[in-house]
Each structure stands twice: as C-alpha cells, then as structure tokens.
Amino acid sequence: MRVLRMIFLALAVWGSIHPMYYFISWFNENGYDLMAMVDAWHVNAATSGLVWDLTIAAVALTLWIVVEVVQTRRWMGLLAIPAIFCIGVSCGLPLYLYLRMRPADSEAA
C-alpha cells in the first residue's frame, strides 16, 4: 500500500504542476484576466464540454469527500477540496486518495 500511496502523491504533484504550466503560459500571453480565461474555456463546443465534464466531476468528488470525511472523521481529507477548485481534479483526486490511504493511527484525533 505504501507504494500506491506514493504513486498517488506523485500524481497529485504532477496534476498540480502540469496544468499550472499551461494556465501560467496562457496568463503570460493574454494578461491576468480570469474572466478572459473563462471565456477561452468556452470558445467551442468541445472545450465547453470539457469544462462541464470537469465541473461535474469536481462537484461529485467534493460531495464524496465531504460525506466520507464526516463519516470517518479524517479531517485531513478536506485539504483536497481547495486543490480541486483552485488547481483541478487532476490534483485534487490523487491528493485525496493519498490522504485517504494514510494510516488511521498517524492522524490526530
């Protein structure tokens, strides 16, 4: 399990760095206007579909995290929610799986 946990951590790091490279490149070319980026996400039906696909996945993952954290009282899992909405599902999902696989005795009550 330790190897799988480290793989999830590596995927979370990759899922934060790789997409952020493209976001920062876009901002450097087009200025730091968040609404312009949102407009760019909807330039055609394909990109709009991807935006909605990821939005629905982010909401579903957030709901799952909240329900599971309330049931298990493993509050560290909540750290994945800001990662989901500030970075993306590509970071938030593996981060949550990494945190979820943390041994129960190592978490403070």
N, C-alpha and C. Protein backbone atom coordinates (compact mmCIF):
# COMPACT_ATOMS: atom_id res chain seq x y z
N MET A 1 0.81 -1.20 0.00
CA MET A 1 0.00 0.00 0.00
C MET A 1 0.86 1.26 0.00
N ARG A 2 2.03 1.18 0.61
CA ARG A 2 2.88 2.36 0.68
C ARG A 2 3.30 2.82 -0.72
N VAL A 3 3.58 1.90 -1.62
CA VAL A 3 3.97 2.25 -2.98
C VAL A 3 2.80 2.94 -3.69
N LEU A 4 1.61 2.39 -3.56
CA LEU A 4 0.43 3.00 -4.18
C LEU A 4 0.19 4.40 -3.63
N ARG A 5 0.38 4.57 -2.35
CA ARG A 5 0.20 5.88 -1.72
C ARG A 5 1.19 6.89 -2.31
N MET A 6 2.43 6.48 -2.51
CA MET A 6 3.44 7.37 -3.10
C MET A 6 3.12 7.67 -4.56
N ILE A 7 2.53 6.71 -5.26
CA ILE A 7 2.10 6.95 -6.64
C ILE A 7 1.01 8.02 -6.66
N PHE A 8 0.06 7.94 -5.73
CA PHE A 8 -0.99 8.97 -5.65
C PHE A 8 -0.39 10.34 -5.35
N LEU A 9 0.60 10.39 -4.48
CA LEU A 9 1.25 11.66 -4.17
C LEU A 9 1.96 12.21 -5.42
N ALA A 10 2.65 11.35 -6.14
CA ALA A 10 3.33 11.78 -7.36
C ALA A 10 2.32 12.29 -8.40
N LEU A 11 1.18 11.60 -8.51
CA LEU A 11 0.15 12.06 -9.44
C LEU A 11 -0.44 13.40 -9.01
N ALA A 12 -0.58 13.61 -7.71
CA ALA A 12 -1.09 14.90 -7.22
C ALA A 12 -0.12 16.02 -7.55
N VAL A 13 1.17 15.77 -7.38
CA VAL A 13 2.18 16.77 -7.73
C VAL A 13 2.16 17.04 -9.23
N TRP A 14 2.16 15.98 -10.01
CA TRP A 14 2.10 16.12 -11.47
C TRP A 14 0.81 16.85 -11.87
N GLY A 15 -0.30 16.48 -11.24
CA GLY A 15 -1.59 17.09 -11.54
C GLY A 15 -1.68 18.55 -11.13
N SER A 16 -0.76 19.00 -10.32
CA SER A 16 -0.74 20.43 -9.98
C SER A 16 0.24 21.19 -10.88
N ILE A 17 1.38 20.61 -11.17
CA ILE A 17 2.41 21.30 -11.95
C ILE A 17 2.08 21.35 -13.44
N HIS A 18 1.70 20.24 -14.02
CA HIS A 18 1.49 20.18 -15.46
C HIS A 18 0.37 21.12 -15.94
N PRO A 19 -0.83 21.05 -15.36
CA PRO A 19 -1.86 22.00 -15.80
C PRO A 19 -1.50 23.46 -15.49
N MET A 20 -0.84 23.69 -14.36
CA MET A 20 -0.49 25.05 -13.98
C MET A 20 0.47 25.67 -14.99
N TYR A 21 1.33 24.86 -15.59
CA TYR A 21 2.23 25.36 -16.64
C TYR A 21 1.42 26.00 -17.76
N TYR A 22 0.36 25.33 -18.18
CA TYR A 22 -0.46 25.85 -19.27
C TYR A 22 -1.26 27.07 -18.84
N PHE A 23 -1.77 27.07 -17.62
CA PHE A 23 -2.51 28.23 -17.13
C PHE A 23 -1.60 29.46 -17.06
N ILE A 24 -0.41 29.29 -16.51
CA ILE A 24 0.52 30.42 -16.39
C ILE A 24 0.97 30.89 -17.76
N SER A 25 1.22 29.95 -18.69
CA SER A 25 1.57 30.34 -20.06
C SER A 25 0.46 31.16 -20.69
N TRP A 26 -0.78 30.73 -20.49
CA TRP A 26 -1.91 31.47 -21.05
C TRP A 26 -2.00 32.86 -20.44
N PHE A 27 -1.87 32.95 -19.12
CA PHE A 27 -1.92 34.26 -18.45
C PHE A 27 -0.79 35.17 -18.93
N ASN A 28 0.40 34.62 -19.13
CA ASN A 28 1.52 35.44 -19.61
C ASN A 28 1.27 35.98 -21.01
N GLU A 29 0.59 35.22 -21.85
CA GLU A 29 0.29 35.66 -23.21
C GLU A 29 -0.90 36.62 -23.27
N ASN A 30 -1.90 36.41 -22.41
CA ASN A 30 -3.17 37.12 -22.54
C ASN A 30 -3.49 38.06 -21.38
N GLY A 31 -2.60 38.17 -20.43
CA GLY A 31 -2.86 39.02 -19.28
C GLY A 31 -3.55 38.23 -18.18
N TYR A 32 -3.48 38.75 -17.00
CA TYR A 32 -4.01 38.05 -15.83
C TYR A 32 -5.48 38.42 -15.60
N ASP A 33 -6.30 38.02 -16.55
CA ASP A 33 -7.73 38.28 -16.50
C ASP A 33 -8.46 36.94 -16.42
N LEU A 34 -8.97 36.62 -15.24
CA LEU A 34 -9.63 35.34 -15.02
C LEU A 34 -10.87 35.19 -15.90
N MET A 35 -11.63 36.25 -16.09
CA MET A 35 -12.84 36.15 -16.92
C MET A 35 -12.49 35.89 -18.38
N ALA A 36 -11.36 36.43 -18.84
CA ALA A 36 -10.92 36.13 -20.21
C ALA A 36 -10.57 34.66 -20.34
N MET A 37 -10.00 34.08 -19.28
CA MET A 37 -9.70 32.65 -19.32
C MET A 37 -10.99 31.83 -19.35
N VAL A 38 -11.96 32.22 -18.56
CA VAL A 38 -13.24 31.52 -18.56
C VAL A 38 -13.88 31.62 -19.96
N ASP A 39 -13.80 32.78 -20.58
CA ASP A 39 -14.31 32.92 -21.95
C ASP A 39 -13.56 32.01 -22.91
N ALA A 40 -12.25 31.87 -22.73
CA ALA A 40 -11.45 31.00 -23.59
C ALA A 40 -11.84 29.53 -23.42
N TRP A 41 -12.29 29.18 -22.22
CA TRP A 41 -12.71 27.79 -21.99
C TRP A 41 -13.95 27.45 -22.79
N HIS A 42 -14.69 28.47 -23.23
CA HIS A 42 -15.96 28.24 -23.93
C HIS A 42 -15.91 28.71 -25.38
N VAL A 43 -14.74 28.61 -26.02
CA VAL A 43 -14.63 29.08 -27.41
C VAL A 43 -15.35 28.16 -28.39
N ASN A 44 -15.54 26.91 -28.03
CA ASN A 44 -16.28 25.99 -28.92
C ASN A 44 -16.94 24.90 -28.08
N ALA A 45 -17.72 24.08 -28.75
CA ALA A 45 -18.48 23.04 -28.05
C ALA A 45 -17.57 22.02 -27.37
N ALA A 46 -16.43 21.72 -27.97
CA ALA A 46 -15.52 20.73 -27.38
C ALA A 46 -14.96 21.22 -26.05
N THR A 47 -14.50 22.45 -26.02
CA THR A 47 -13.94 22.97 -24.76
C THR A 47 -15.03 23.18 -23.72
N SER A 48 -16.20 23.61 -24.14
CA SER A 48 -17.31 23.75 -23.19
C SER A 48 -17.67 22.39 -22.59
N GLY A 49 -17.66 21.36 -23.42
CA GLY A 49 -17.94 20.01 -22.92
C GLY A 49 -16.91 19.57 -21.89
N LEU A 50 -15.64 19.87 -22.14
CA LEU A 50 -14.60 19.51 -21.17
C LEU A 50 -14.76 20.29 -19.87
N VAL A 51 -15.10 21.58 -19.98
CA VAL A 51 -15.31 22.38 -18.77
C VAL A 51 -16.44 21.79 -17.93
N TRP A 52 -17.56 21.46 -18.58
CA TRP A 52 -18.69 20.89 -17.83
C TRP A 52 -18.37 19.51 -17.30
N ASP A 53 -17.62 18.71 -18.06
CA ASP A 53 -17.22 17.39 -17.60
C ASP A 53 -16.40 17.50 -16.32
N LEU A 54 -15.42 18.38 -16.31
CA LEU A 54 -14.58 18.56 -15.14
C LEU A 54 -15.32 19.22 -13.98
N THR A 55 -16.25 20.11 -14.29
CA THR A 55 -17.03 20.76 -13.23
C THR A 55 -17.91 19.74 -12.51
N ILE A 56 -18.58 18.89 -13.28
CA ILE A 56 -19.43 17.86 -12.68
C ILE A 56 -18.59 16.87 -11.88
N ALA A 57 -17.43 16.49 -12.42
CA ALA A 57 -16.53 15.59 -11.69
C ALA A 57 -16.05 16.24 -10.40
N ALA A 58 -15.74 17.54 -10.43
CA ALA A 58 -15.28 18.25 -9.23
C ALA A 58 -16.37 18.30 -8.17
N VAL A 59 -17.60 18.55 -8.57
CA VAL A 59 -18.71 18.60 -7.62
C VAL A 59 -18.95 17.21 -7.02
N ALA A 60 -18.95 16.18 -7.86
CA ALA A 60 -19.16 14.81 -7.37
C ALA A 60 -18.05 14.40 -6.40
N LEU A 61 -16.81 14.71 -6.75
CA LEU A 61 -15.68 14.37 -5.88
C LEU A 61 -15.77 15.12 -4.56
N THR A 62 -16.14 16.38 -4.61
CA THR A 62 -16.28 17.17 -3.38
C THR A 62 -17.36 16.58 -2.48
N LEU A 63 -18.49 16.23 -3.06
CA LEU A 63 -19.57 15.62 -2.28
C LEU A 63 -19.10 14.32 -1.63
N TRP A 64 -18.40 13.49 -2.40
CA TRP A 64 -17.88 12.23 -1.88
C TRP A 64 -16.91 12.48 -0.71
N ILE A 65 -16.01 13.45 -0.89
CA ILE A 65 -15.05 13.76 0.16
C ILE A 65 -15.76 14.21 1.43
N VAL A 66 -16.70 15.13 1.29
CA VAL A 66 -17.39 15.65 2.46
C VAL A 66 -18.12 14.54 3.20
N VAL A 67 -18.85 13.71 2.48
CA VAL A 67 -19.60 12.62 3.12
C VAL A 67 -18.64 11.65 3.81
N GLU A 68 -17.58 11.28 3.13
CA GLU A 68 -16.65 10.31 3.71
C GLU A 68 -15.91 10.90 4.91
N VAL A 69 -15.52 12.16 4.84
CA VAL A 69 -14.82 12.80 5.95
C VAL A 69 -15.72 12.89 7.18
N VAL A 70 -16.98 13.23 6.97
CA VAL A 70 -17.91 13.31 8.10
C VAL A 70 -18.09 11.93 8.74
N GLN A 71 -18.16 10.89 7.91
CA GLN A 71 -18.34 9.54 8.44
C GLN A 71 -17.11 9.03 9.18
N THR A 72 -15.94 9.30 8.63
CA THR A 72 -14.71 8.73 9.20
C THR A 72 -13.99 9.66 10.17
N ARG A 73 -14.35 10.95 10.15
CA ARG A 73 -13.71 11.96 11.00
C ARG A 73 -12.22 12.10 10.68
N ARG A 74 -11.86 11.85 9.43
CA ARG A 74 -10.47 12.02 8.99
C ARG A 74 -10.40 13.35 8.24
N TRP A 75 -10.26 14.42 9.02
CA TRP A 75 -10.43 15.79 8.54
C TRP A 75 -9.38 16.23 7.53
N MET A 76 -8.25 15.59 7.50
CA MET A 76 -7.19 15.97 6.54
C MET A 76 -7.68 15.85 5.10
N GLY A 77 -8.64 14.98 4.87
CA GLY A 77 -9.17 14.82 3.52
C GLY A 77 -9.77 16.08 2.95
N LEU A 78 -10.20 16.97 3.82
CA LEU A 78 -10.79 18.24 3.37
C LEU A 78 -9.78 19.11 2.63
N LEU A 79 -8.49 18.87 2.82
CA LEU A 79 -7.46 19.63 2.11
C LEU A 79 -7.55 19.44 0.59
N ALA A 80 -8.15 18.36 0.16
CA ALA A 80 -8.26 18.11 -1.28
C ALA A 80 -9.28 19.02 -1.95
N ILE A 81 -10.23 19.55 -1.20
CA ILE A 81 -11.29 20.37 -1.81
C ILE A 81 -10.74 21.66 -2.40
N PRO A 82 -9.93 22.44 -1.66
CA PRO A 82 -9.35 23.62 -2.32
C PRO A 82 -8.47 23.26 -3.52
N ALA A 83 -7.78 22.12 -3.43
CA ALA A 83 -6.96 21.68 -4.56
C ALA A 83 -7.83 21.41 -5.78
N ILE A 84 -9.01 20.83 -5.58
CA ILE A 84 -9.91 20.54 -6.69
C ILE A 84 -10.32 21.81 -7.41
N PHE A 85 -10.71 22.83 -6.64
CA PHE A 85 -11.28 24.03 -7.27
C PHE A 85 -10.23 25.10 -7.59
N CYS A 86 -9.06 25.07 -6.96
CA CYS A 86 -8.02 26.06 -7.27
C CYS A 86 -7.02 25.54 -8.29
N ILE A 87 -6.81 24.24 -8.33
CA ILE A 87 -5.85 23.65 -9.27
C ILE A 87 -6.59 22.79 -10.28
N GLY A 88 -7.33 21.79 -9.82
CA GLY A 88 -8.09 20.95 -10.72
C GLY A 88 -8.28 19.55 -10.17
N VAL A 89 -9.15 18.82 -10.82
CA VAL A 89 -9.43 17.44 -10.43
C VAL A 89 -8.16 16.60 -10.57
N SER A 90 -7.30 16.95 -11.52
CA SER A 90 -6.06 16.18 -11.74
C SER A 90 -5.13 16.24 -10.54
N CYS A 91 -5.28 17.23 -9.70
CA CYS A 91 -4.52 17.31 -8.45
C CYS A 91 -5.36 16.84 -7.27
N GLY A 92 -6.61 17.29 -7.20
CA GLY A 92 -7.46 17.02 -6.05
C GLY A 92 -7.78 15.55 -5.84
N LEU A 93 -8.06 14.82 -6.91
CA LEU A 93 -8.40 13.40 -6.75
C LEU A 93 -7.22 12.58 -6.24
N PRO A 94 -6.05 12.64 -6.89
CA PRO A 94 -4.95 11.85 -6.32
C PRO A 94 -4.51 12.33 -4.94
N LEU A 95 -4.64 13.63 -4.68
CA LEU A 95 -4.31 14.13 -3.33
C LEU A 95 -5.25 13.52 -2.30
N TYR A 96 -6.54 13.48 -2.61
CA TYR A 96 -7.48 12.88 -1.67
C TYR A 96 -7.18 11.39 -1.47
N LEU A 97 -6.90 10.68 -2.54
CA LEU A 97 -6.59 9.25 -2.41
C LEU A 97 -5.32 9.04 -1.59
N TYR A 98 -4.34 9.92 -1.76
CA TYR A 98 -3.13 9.87 -0.94
C TYR A 98 -3.48 10.07 0.53
N LEU A 99 -4.26 11.10 0.82
CA LEU A 99 -4.64 11.38 2.21
C LEU A 99 -5.53 10.28 2.79
N ARG A 100 -6.37 9.73 1.96
CA ARG A 100 -7.30 8.68 2.40
C ARG A 100 -6.57 7.40 2.80
N MET A 101 -5.45 7.15 2.15
CA MET A 101 -4.70 5.92 2.44
C MET A 101 -3.76 6.08 3.63
N ARG A 102 -3.77 7.24 4.25
CA ARG A 102 -2.94 7.48 5.43
C ARG A 102 -3.36 6.55 6.55
N PRO A 103 -2.42 5.92 7.20
CA PRO A 103 -2.78 5.02 8.30
C PRO A 103 -3.57 5.77 9.37
N ALA A 104 -4.61 5.16 9.88
CA ALA A 104 -5.52 5.81 10.84
C ALA A 104 -4.80 6.21 12.12
N ASP A 105 -3.82 5.44 12.57
CA ASP A 105 -3.15 5.74 13.83
C ASP A 105 -2.21 6.93 13.72
N SER A 106 -1.88 7.38 12.48
CA SER A 106 -0.98 8.51 12.33
C SER A 106 -1.71 9.84 12.29
N GLU A 107 -3.03 9.81 12.30
CA GLU A 107 -3.82 11.03 12.25
C GLU A 107 -4.26 11.42 13.65
N ALA A 108 -4.14 12.69 13.96
CA ALA A 108 -4.55 13.18 15.28
C ALA A 108 -6.06 13.11 15.42
N ALA A 109 -6.52 12.73 16.59
CA ALA A 109 -7.95 12.60 16.83
C ALA A 109 -8.60 13.94 17.04
